Amino acid sequence: MSAPLRRDGPVRTPPEDGPADEEYARTYAAGYEEGARSALREVLGHTTRGHTAAELRMLVESRLARLGEEVELKRKSLLAPPRQPAWSSLLRPAGGARPWVAPVPSTAPASLPVAPGSSLLVREERPRRALEALREAAPRFPRVVLLSLHPPETTELRPEQRIVVPVGTRGDDPTAALPAPGEIGGRLREPTEAPGGALVYFDAVEFFVTEHSLETTLRFVQWLSSQASSTGSALVVSVDPRALDVRDLSRLERAFQTVV
C-alpha cells in the first residue's frame, strides 16, 4: 500500500545544493507558500461559517489593514525570541534568606478610633471590642446614650451622663408595643444636639432587623451615622456578621466611616 498524499500540498523532495542566492530564493518561496496557504485556510474557515460575500470582504479588508503589524511582530520574534525569565532570581530574595523572627503577641487590643463626628462598626459575634471602645471614649463626651437590649455597665460615668433608651420594651410597661425606630430617633435628638454631642452605643441591630425589617434598620443606622456626623457626636455599633448575608452586611458597612 502506498503512503497517502498530503491534502494541503505535494510531498517535497529535499532541495539540492545550488548557488548562494538559491538559499534566499528557497526561503522566500517557502515563506510565500506558507503565507498564501494560511490566508486561503482563513478564507475557507470564514466561508464554512456561513458569512456572506459582504461580510467576507469586511473580514479580509480588516485583516489586510493590520497585516503590516503582524509581519513586523513575526520578524521581531524570529530575530530576537523572548528571553525566558530567571524564575530562581524572582522567587529567591537577593542577599540570602533572612532569619525567621517570631512575631511578638500584643498584650492589649489596639484602641478603636472614636472621635466627635465619627461612626464605627465593629463586626463581632458578641459585643466586646465595641464595649472597649465605648468605655475608652466615654469620658470624652458629656453624655452617653445606650441602645441595647442589655445595657452595659458604665461605672466610670456619672449617673447624669448615662442615658438608656429602651429598644425592646417601653421601660416600665413591658406589655406595651415596642417603640418604633422613628420614636427612638426622636428621643436621640436632644442628647446628640446638645452642646458637646453624645456618644451613642448600639448593639441591637439583629433585633431591629427581626422586629422592624432590614430596610427600616438600614435607614435607622444611616440616620444615626448622619446625626453623629452633623452634631459632633459619635456612633459605635456592634453587629454579629453571621446575622446578615454578605450583601446586606455590605450595605450596612457603607453607613460607617470605620469598619473593623
C-alpha atoms as a PDB file:
ATOM      1  CA  MET A   1       0.000   0.000   0.000  1.00  0.00           C
ATOM      2  CA  SER A   2       1.397   3.384  -0.981  1.00  0.00           C
ATOM      3  CA  ALA A   3       1.570   6.260   1.505  1.00  0.00           C
ATOM      4  CA  PRO A   4      -1.299   8.769   1.175  1.00  0.00           C
ATOM      5  CA  LEU A   5      -0.583  12.195  -0.258  1.00  0.00           C
ATOM      6  CA  ARG A   6      -0.860  15.291   1.935  1.00  0.00           C
ATOM      7  CA  ARG A   7      -4.112  17.186   1.480  1.00  0.00           C
ATOM      8  CA  ASP A   8      -2.503  20.595   1.658  1.00  0.00           C
ATOM      9  CA  GLY A   9       0.217  20.155  -0.987  1.00  0.00           C
ATOM     10  CA  PRO A  10       2.572  17.758  -2.712  1.00  0.00           C
ATOM     11  CA  VAL A  11       5.345  15.908  -0.925  1.00  0.00           C
ATOM     12  CA  ARG A  12       8.524  17.942  -1.108  1.00  0.00           C
ATOM     13  CA  THR A  13      11.869  16.431  -2.007  1.00  0.00           C
ATOM     14  CA  PRO A  14      14.995  17.558  -0.206  1.00  0.00           C
ATOM     15  CA  PRO A  15      16.474  20.587  -2.026  1.00  0.00           C
ATOM     16  CA  GLU A  16      19.700  20.138  -3.909  1.00  0.00           C
ATOM     17  CA  ASP A  17      22.681  22.310  -3.305  1.00  0.00           C
ATOM     18  CA  GLY A  18      22.781  25.326  -5.591  1.00  0.00           C
ATOM     19  CA  PRO A  19      24.302  28.771  -5.905  1.00  0.00           C
ATOM     20  CA  ALA A  20      24.465  31.179  -2.983  1.00  0.00           C
ATOM     21  CA  ASP A  21      21.268  33.025  -3.933  1.00  0.00           C
ATOM     22  CA  GLU A  22      19.358  29.744  -4.180  1.00  0.00           C
ATOM     23  CA  GLU A  23      19.073  29.559  -0.386  1.00  0.00           C
ATOM     24  CA  TYR A  24      17.488  33.039  -0.329  1.00  0.00           C
ATOM     25  CA  ALA A  25      15.061  32.070  -3.101  1.00  0.00           C
ATOM     26  CA  ARG A  26      14.032  28.834  -1.356  1.00  0.00           C
ATOM     27  CA  THR A  27      13.475  30.711   1.940  1.00  0.00           C
ATOM     28  CA  TYR A  28      11.361  33.379   0.213  1.00  0.00           C
ATOM     29  CA  ALA A  29       9.326  30.786  -1.692  1.00  0.00           C
ATOM     30  CA  ALA A  30       8.679  28.750   1.450  1.00  0.00           C
ATOM     31  CA  GLY A  31       7.514  31.857   3.307  1.00  0.00           C
ATOM     32  CA  TYR A  32       5.302  32.919   0.405  1.00  0.00           C
ATOM     33  CA  GLU A  33       3.752  29.455   0.210  1.00  0.00           C
ATOM     34  CA  GLU A  34       3.075  29.342   3.941  1.00  0.00           C
ATOM     35  CA  GLY A  35       1.514  32.835   3.911  1.00  0.00           C
ATOM     36  CA  ALA A  36      -0.746  32.040   0.947  1.00  0.00           C
ATOM     37  CA  ARG A  37      -1.760  28.718   2.484  1.00  0.00           C
ATOM     38  CA  SER A  38      -2.607  30.416   5.802  1.00  0.00           C
ATOM     39  CA  ALA A  39      -4.679  33.120   4.061  1.00  0.00           C
ATOM     40  CA  LEU A  40      -6.648  30.607   1.986  1.00  0.00           C
ATOM     41  CA  ARG A  41      -7.367  28.458   5.045  1.00  0.00           C
ATOM     42  CA  GLU A  42      -8.662  31.510   6.886  1.00  0.00           C
ATOM     43  CA  VAL A  43     -10.984  32.432   3.987  1.00  0.00           C
ATOM     44  CA  LEU A  44     -12.249  28.853   3.779  1.00  0.00           C
ATOM     45  CA  GLY A  45     -12.884  28.881   7.513  1.00  0.00           C
ATOM     46  CA  HIS A  46     -14.986  32.046   7.239  1.00  0.00           C
ATOM     47  CA  THR A  47     -16.888  30.586   4.273  1.00  0.00           C
ATOM     48  CA  THR A  48     -17.859  27.429   6.146  1.00  0.00           C
ATOM     49  CA  ARG A  49     -19.326  29.582   8.931  1.00  0.00           C
ATOM     50  CA  GLY A  50     -21.939  30.990   6.551  1.00  0.00           C
ATOM     51  CA  HIS A  51     -20.598  34.513   6.075  1.00  0.00           C
ATOM     52  CA  THR A  52     -21.972  36.482   3.135  1.00  0.00           C
ATOM     53  CA  ALA A  53     -19.781  37.995   0.427  1.00  0.00           C
ATOM     54  CA  ALA A  54     -20.056  41.427   2.033  1.00  0.00           C
ATOM     55  CA  GLU A  55     -19.034  40.028   5.418  1.00  0.00           C
ATOM     56  CA  LEU A  56     -16.092  38.164   3.856  1.00  0.00           C
ATOM     57  CA  ARG A  57     -14.932  41.384   2.199  1.00  0.00           C
ATOM     58  CA  MET A  58     -15.093  43.229   5.511  1.00  0.00           C
ATOM     59  CA  LEU A  59     -13.125  40.475   7.278  1.00  0.00           C
ATOM     60  CA  VAL A  60     -10.441  40.388   4.588  1.00  0.00           C
ATOM     61  CA  GLU A  61     -10.084  44.193   4.494  1.00  0.00           C
ATOM     62  CA  SER A  62      -9.756  44.258   8.279  1.00  0.00           C
ATOM     63  CA  ARG A  63      -7.015  41.634   8.134  1.00  0.00           C
ATOM     64  CA  LEU A  64      -5.191  43.459   5.348  1.00  0.00           C
ATOM     65  CA  ALA A  65      -5.255  46.683   7.353  1.00  0.00           C
ATOM     66  CA  ARG A  66      -3.230  45.147  10.160  1.00  0.00           C
ATOM     67  CA  LEU A  67      -1.103  42.796   8.068  1.00  0.00           C
ATOM     68  CA  GLY A  68       1.950  45.037   8.259  1.00  0.00           C
ATOM     69  CA  GLU A  69       1.882  44.976  12.075  1.00  0.00           C
ATOM     70  CA  GLU A  70       1.586  41.177  12.104  1.00  0.00           C
ATOM     71  CA  VAL A  71       4.522  40.780   9.734  1.00  0.00           C
ATOM     72  CA  GLU A  72       6.694  43.137  11.819  1.00  0.00           C
ATOM     73  CA  LEU A  73       5.852  41.239  15.011  1.00  0.00           C
ATOM     74  CA  LYS A  74       6.684  37.960  13.281  1.00  0.00           C
ATOM     75  CA  ARG A  75      10.013  39.345  12.059  1.00  0.00           C
ATOM     76  CA  LYS A  76      10.999  40.569  15.516  1.00  0.00           C
ATOM     77  CA  SER A  77      10.066  37.269  17.098  1.00  0.00           C
ATOM     78  CA  LEU A  78      12.326  35.410  14.650  1.00  0.00           C
ATOM     79  CA  LEU A  79      15.254  37.791  15.127  1.00  0.00           C
ATOM     80  CA  ALA A  80      15.117  38.023  18.935  1.00  0.00           C
ATOM     81  CA  PRO A  81      12.980  35.392  20.629  1.00  0.00           C
ATOM     82  CA  PRO A  82      11.745  36.500  24.059  1.00  0.00           C
ATOM     83  CA  ARG A  83      14.112  35.607  26.850  1.00  0.00           C
ATOM     84  CA  GLN A  84      12.945  33.135  29.433  1.00  0.00           C
ATOM     85  CA  PRO A  85      12.646  34.713  32.903  1.00  0.00           C
ATOM     86  CA  ALA A  86      15.066  33.542  35.538  1.00  0.00           C
ATOM     87  CA  TRP A  87      12.478  32.091  37.898  1.00  0.00           C
ATOM     88  CA  SER A  88      15.067  31.337  40.548  1.00  0.00           C
ATOM     89  CA  SER A  89      16.013  35.014  40.836  1.00  0.00           C
ATOM     90  CA  LEU A  90      12.338  36.018  41.083  1.00  0.00           C
ATOM     91  CA  LEU A  91      11.447  33.513  43.756  1.00  0.00           C
ATOM     92  CA  ARG A  92      14.580  33.849  45.870  1.00  0.00           C
ATOM     93  CA  PRO A  93      15.194  37.200  47.621  1.00  0.00           C
ATOM     94  CA  ALA A  94      18.510  38.867  46.993  1.00  0.00           C
ATOM     95  CA  GLY A  95      21.136  38.758  49.654  1.00  0.00           C
ATOM     96  CA  GLY A  96      20.305  35.327  51.004  1.00  0.00           C
ATOM     97  CA  ALA A  97      17.489  34.111  53.176  1.00  0.00           C
ATOM     98  CA  ARG A  98      16.514  36.183  56.147  1.00  0.00           C
ATOM     99  CA  PRO A  99      16.218  34.527  59.540  1.00  0.00           C
ATOM    100  CA  TRP A 100      12.636  33.983  60.680  1.00  0.00           C
ATOM    101  CA  VAL A 101      11.647  36.028  63.699  1.00  0.00           C
ATOM    102  CA  ALA A 102       8.549  35.072  65.663  1.00  0.00           C
ATOM    103  CA  PRO A 103       6.031  37.923  65.975  1.00  0.00           C
ATOM    104  CA  VAL A 104       5.584  39.371  69.417  1.00  0.00           C
ATOM    105  CA  PRO A 105       1.976  38.916  70.558  1.00  0.00           C
ATOM    106  CA  SER A 106       0.126  42.066  71.504  1.00  0.00           C
ATOM    107  CA  THR A 107      -0.684  42.314  75.159  1.00  0.00           C
ATOM    108  CA  ALA A 108      -3.672  44.615  74.620  1.00  0.00           C
ATOM    109  CA  PRO A 109      -6.016  45.230  71.697  1.00  0.00           C
ATOM    110  CA  ALA A 110      -5.397  48.330  69.670  1.00  0.00           C
ATOM    111  CA  SER A 111      -7.734  51.168  70.562  1.00  0.00           C
ATOM    112  CA  LEU A 112     -10.505  51.771  68.064  1.00  0.00           C
ATOM    113  CA  PRO A 113     -10.984  55.261  66.614  1.00  0.00           C
ATOM    114  CA  VAL A 114     -13.879  57.091  68.300  1.00  0.00           C
ATOM    115  CA  ALA A 115     -13.886  60.855  67.889  1.00  0.00           C
ATOM    116  CA  PRO A 116     -16.555  63.552  67.625  1.00  0.00           C
ATOM    117  CA  GLY A 117     -18.349  63.240  64.295  1.00  0.00           C
ATOM    118  CA  SER A 118     -17.174  59.659  63.700  1.00  0.00           C
ATOM    119  CA  SER A 119     -19.028  56.374  63.225  1.00  0.00           C
ATOM    120  CA  LEU A 120     -17.564  52.946  63.980  1.00  0.00           C
ATOM    121  CA  LEU A 121     -18.911  49.488  63.121  1.00  0.00           C
ATOM    122  CA  VAL A 122     -17.395  46.518  64.952  1.00  0.00           C
ATOM    123  CA  ARG A 123     -18.083  43.053  63.473  1.00  0.00           C
ATOM    124  CA  GLU A 124     -18.024  40.522  66.306  1.00  0.00           C
ATOM    125  CA  GLU A 125     -20.115  37.598  67.494  1.00  0.00           C
ATOM    126  CA  ARG A 126     -20.722  39.209  70.880  1.00  0.00           C
ATOM    127  CA  PRO A 127     -20.116  42.814  71.979  1.00  0.00           C
ATOM    128  CA  ARG A 128     -16.553  43.020  73.245  1.00  0.00           C
ATOM    129  CA  ARG A 129     -14.341  45.384  71.251  1.00  0.00           C
ATOM    130  CA  ALA A 130     -17.245  47.782  70.814  1.00  0.00           C
ATOM    131  CA  LEU A 131     -17.657  47.873  74.608  1.00  0.00           C
ATOM    132  CA  GLU A 132     -13.933  48.541  74.988  1.00  0.00           C
ATOM    133  CA  ALA A 133     -14.239  51.431  72.517  1.00  0.00           C
ATOM    134  CA  LEU A 134     -17.278  52.714  74.417  1.00  0.00           C
ATOM    135  CA  ARG A 135     -15.554  52.696  77.796  1.00  0.00           C
ATOM    136  CA  GLU A 136     -12.357  54.202  76.399  1.00  0.00           C
ATOM    137  CA  ALA A 137     -14.124  57.104  74.656  1.00  0.00           C
ATOM    138  CA  ALA A 138     -16.999  57.736  77.110  1.00  0.00           C
ATOM    139  CA  PRO A 139     -15.092  60.205  79.364  1.00  0.00           C
ATOM    140  CA  ARG A 140     -14.556  62.493  76.350  1.00  0.00           C
ATOM    141  CA  PHE A 141     -18.292  63.091  75.868  1.00  0.00           C
ATOM    142  CA  PRO A 142     -20.724  64.909  78.192  1.00  0.00           C
ATOM    143  CA  ARG A 143     -23.326  62.150  77.762  1.00  0.00           C
ATOM    144  CA  VAL A 144     -23.528  58.522  76.624  1.00  0.00           C
ATOM    145  CA  VAL A 145     -26.671  57.028  75.054  1.00  0.00           C
ATOM    146  CA  LEU A 146     -27.147  53.264  75.186  1.00  0.00           C
ATOM    147  CA  LEU A 147     -29.386  51.468  72.666  1.00  0.00           C
ATOM    148  CA  SER A 148     -29.242  47.889  73.823  1.00  0.00           C
ATOM    149  CA  LEU A 149     -31.427  45.006  74.944  1.00  0.00           C
ATOM    150  CA  HIS A 150     -28.930  44.570  77.797  1.00  0.00           C
ATOM    151  CA  PRO A 151     -27.363  47.985  78.505  1.00  0.00           C
ATOM    152  CA  PRO A 152     -23.731  47.515  79.591  1.00  0.00           C
ATOM    153  CA  GLU A 153     -22.388  48.714  82.909  1.00  0.00           C
ATOM    154  CA  THR A 154     -20.592  52.046  82.784  1.00  0.00           C
ATOM    155  CA  THR A 155     -19.298  52.591  86.295  1.00  0.00           C
ATOM    156  CA  GLU A 156     -16.793  55.178  85.062  1.00  0.00           C
ATOM    157  CA  LEU A 157     -19.650  57.547  84.171  1.00  0.00           C
ATOM    158  CA  ARG A 158     -21.658  59.827  86.407  1.00  0.00           C
ATOM    159  CA  PRO A 159     -25.368  58.924  86.571  1.00  0.00           C
ATOM    160  CA  GLU A 160     -26.364  62.073  84.671  1.00  0.00           C
ATOM    161  CA  GLN A 161     -24.035  61.115  81.817  1.00  0.00           C
ATOM    162  CA  ARG A 162     -25.692  57.739  81.242  1.00  0.00           C
ATOM    163  CA  ILE A 163     -28.870  57.715  79.132  1.00  0.00           C
ATOM    164  CA  VAL A 164     -30.608  54.418  78.390  1.00  0.00           C
ATOM    165  CA  VAL A 165     -33.170  54.438  75.573  1.00  0.00           C
ATOM    166  CA  PRO A 166     -35.300  51.246  75.666  1.00  0.00           C
ATOM    167  CA  VAL A 167     -35.452  49.362  72.365  1.00  0.00           C
ATOM    168  CA  GLY A 168     -37.027  46.040  73.416  1.00  0.00           C
ATOM    169  CA  THR A 169     -39.728  47.339  75.798  1.00  0.00           C
ATOM    170  CA  ARG A 170     -41.306  50.623  76.856  1.00  0.00           C
ATOM    171  CA  GLY A 171     -39.464  50.619  80.159  1.00  0.00           C
ATOM    172  CA  ASP A 172     -41.973  50.425  82.986  1.00  0.00           C
ATOM    173  CA  ASP A 173     -44.658  48.768  80.833  1.00  0.00           C
ATOM    174  CA  PRO A 174     -43.237  45.554  79.329  1.00  0.00           C
ATOM    175  CA  THR A 175     -46.596  44.680  77.743  1.00  0.00           C
ATOM    176  CA  ALA A 176     -46.804  47.841  75.624  1.00  0.00           C
ATOM    177  CA  ALA A 177     -45.892  47.887  71.945  1.00  0.00           C
ATOM    178  CA  LEU A 178     -42.235  48.242  71.078  1.00  0.00           C
ATOM    179  CA  PRO A 179     -41.034  51.760  70.274  1.00  0.00           C
ATOM    180  CA  ALA A 180     -40.617  52.325  66.545  1.00  0.00           C
ATOM    181  CA  PRO A 181     -37.221  53.403  65.143  1.00  0.00           C
ATOM    182  CA  GLY A 182     -38.684  56.839  64.378  1.00  0.00           C
ATOM    183  CA  GLU A 183     -39.700  57.274  68.002  1.00  0.00           C
ATOM    184  CA  ILE A 184     -36.280  56.156  69.188  1.00  0.00           C
ATOM    185  CA  GLY A 185     -34.654  58.625  66.791  1.00  0.00           C
ATOM    186  CA  GLY A 186     -36.795  61.399  68.226  1.00  0.00           C
ATOM    187  CA  ARG A 187     -35.522  60.638  71.724  1.00  0.00           C
ATOM    188  CA  LEU A 188     -31.941  60.771  70.444  1.00  0.00           C
ATOM    189  CA  ARG A 189     -32.178  64.269  69.026  1.00  0.00           C
ATOM    190  CA  GLU A 190     -31.949  66.096  72.344  1.00  0.00           C
ATOM    191  CA  PRO A 191     -28.808  64.405  73.737  1.00  0.00           C
ATOM    192  CA  THR A 192     -26.972  64.401  70.387  1.00  0.00           C
ATOM    193  CA  GLU A 193     -27.832  68.006  69.502  1.00  0.00           C
ATOM    194  CA  ALA A 194     -26.973  69.371  72.944  1.00  0.00           C
ATOM    195  CA  PRO A 195     -23.588  71.138  73.324  1.00  0.00           C
ATOM    196  CA  GLY A 196     -20.733  68.615  73.116  1.00  0.00           C
ATOM    197  CA  GLY A 197     -22.912  65.975  71.478  1.00  0.00           C
ATOM    198  CA  ALA A 198     -23.183  62.414  72.755  1.00  0.00           C
ATOM    199  CA  LEU A 199     -21.566  59.030  72.347  1.00  0.00           C
ATOM    200  CA  VAL A 200     -24.241  56.640  71.035  1.00  0.00           C
ATOM    201  CA  TYR A 201     -23.750  52.899  71.550  1.00  0.00           C
ATOM    202  CA  PHE A 202     -25.990  50.464  69.616  1.00  0.00           C
ATOM    203  CA  ASP A 203     -25.749  46.662  69.750  1.00  0.00           C
ATOM    204  CA  ALA A 204     -29.305  45.611  68.810  1.00  0.00           C
ATOM    205  CA  VAL A 205     -29.010  45.535  65.009  1.00  0.00           C
ATOM    206  CA  GLU A 206     -30.110  41.907  64.778  1.00  0.00           C
ATOM    207  CA  PHE A 207     -33.129  42.606  66.999  1.00  0.00           C
ATOM    208  CA  PHE A 208     -34.124  45.605  64.852  1.00  0.00           C
ATOM    209  CA  VAL A 209     -33.880  43.511  61.666  1.00  0.00           C
ATOM    210  CA  THR A 210     -36.219  40.904  63.177  1.00  0.00           C
ATOM    211  CA  GLU A 211     -38.737  43.356  64.628  1.00  0.00           C
ATOM    212  CA  HIS A 212     -38.669  46.243  62.144  1.00  0.00           C
ATOM    213  CA  SER A 213     -37.317  44.740  58.857  1.00  0.00           C
ATOM    214  CA  LEU A 214     -33.901  45.072  57.243  1.00  0.00           C
ATOM    215  CA  GLU A 215     -34.696  48.181  55.216  1.00  0.00           C
ATOM    216  CA  THR A 216     -36.020  50.061  58.250  1.00  0.00           C
ATOM    217  CA  THR A 217     -32.929  49.074  60.237  1.00  0.00           C
ATOM    218  CA  LEU A 218     -30.568  50.241  57.485  1.00  0.00           C
ATOM    219  CA  ARG A 219     -32.335  53.600  57.259  1.00  0.00           C
ATOM    220  CA  PHE A 220     -32.206  53.977  61.043  1.00  0.00           C
ATOM    221  CA  VAL A 221     -28.460  53.228  61.158  1.00  0.00           C
ATOM    222  CA  GLN A 222     -27.809  55.613  58.270  1.00  0.00           C
ATOM    223  CA  TRP A 223     -29.688  58.321  60.163  1.00  0.00           C
ATOM    224  CA  LEU A 224     -27.664  57.593  63.319  1.00  0.00           C
ATOM    225  CA  SER A 225     -24.399  57.935  61.397  1.00  0.00           C
ATOM    226  CA  SER A 226     -25.530  61.157  59.744  1.00  0.00           C
ATOM    227  CA  GLN A 227     -26.737  62.559  63.078  1.00  0.00           C
ATOM    228  CA  ALA A 228     -23.387  61.799  64.720  1.00  0.00           C
ATOM    229  CA  SER A 229     -21.508  63.475  61.882  1.00  0.00           C
ATOM    230  CA  SER A 230     -23.626  66.632  61.841  1.00  0.00           C
ATOM    231  CA  THR A 231     -23.796  67.188  65.628  1.00  0.00           C
ATOM    232  CA  GLY A 232     -20.234  66.330  66.682  1.00  0.00           C
ATOM    233  CA  SER A 233     -21.458  63.184  68.381  1.00  0.00           C
ATOM    234  CA  ALA A 234     -20.046  59.678  67.829  1.00  0.00           C
ATOM    235  CA  LEU A 235     -21.611  56.317  66.981  1.00  0.00           C
ATOM    236  CA  VAL A 236     -20.348  52.869  67.983  1.00  0.00           C
ATOM    237  CA  VAL A 237     -22.258  49.832  66.676  1.00  0.00           C
ATOM    238  CA  SER A 238     -21.620  46.151  67.360  1.00  0.00           C
ATOM    239  CA  VAL A 239     -23.055  43.577  64.919  1.00  0.00           C
ATOM    240  CA  ASP A 240     -22.734  39.825  64.524  1.00  0.00           C
ATOM    241  CA  PRO A 241     -21.740  39.326  60.846  1.00  0.00           C
ATOM    242  CA  ARG A 242     -23.399  35.895  60.880  1.00  0.00           C
ATOM    243  CA  ALA A 243     -26.812  37.505  61.310  1.00  0.00           C
ATOM    244  CA  LEU A 244     -26.737  39.114  57.829  1.00  0.00           C
ATOM    245  CA  ASP A 245     -25.859  37.798  54.412  1.00  0.00           C
ATOM    246  CA  VAL A 246     -22.865  39.250  52.588  1.00  0.00           C
ATOM    247  CA  ARG A 247     -24.863  41.725  50.510  1.00  0.00           C
ATOM    248  CA  ASP A 248     -26.847  43.113  53.446  1.00  0.00           C
ATOM    249  CA  LEU A 249     -23.740  43.327  55.624  1.00  0.00           C
ATOM    250  CA  SER A 250     -22.014  45.301  52.877  1.00  0.00           C
ATOM    251  CA  ARG A 251     -24.945  47.734  52.742  1.00  0.00           C
ATOM    252  CA  LEU A 252     -24.713  48.181  56.498  1.00  0.00           C
ATOM    253  CA  GLU A 253     -20.954  48.800  56.392  1.00  0.00           C
ATOM    254  CA  ARG A 254     -21.324  51.610  53.869  1.00  0.00           C
ATOM    255  CA  ALA A 255     -23.078  53.738  56.511  1.00  0.00           C
ATOM    256  CA  PHE A 256     -19.898  53.933  58.641  1.00  0.00           C
ATOM    257  CA  GLN A 257     -16.634  55.813  58.423  1.00  0.00           C
ATOM    258  CA  THR A 258     -14.691  52.961  60.052  1.00  0.00           C
ATOM    259  CA  VAL A 259     -15.364  49.197  59.934  1.00  0.00           C
ATOM    260  CA  VAL A 260     -13.318  46.682  61.909  1.00  0.00           C
END
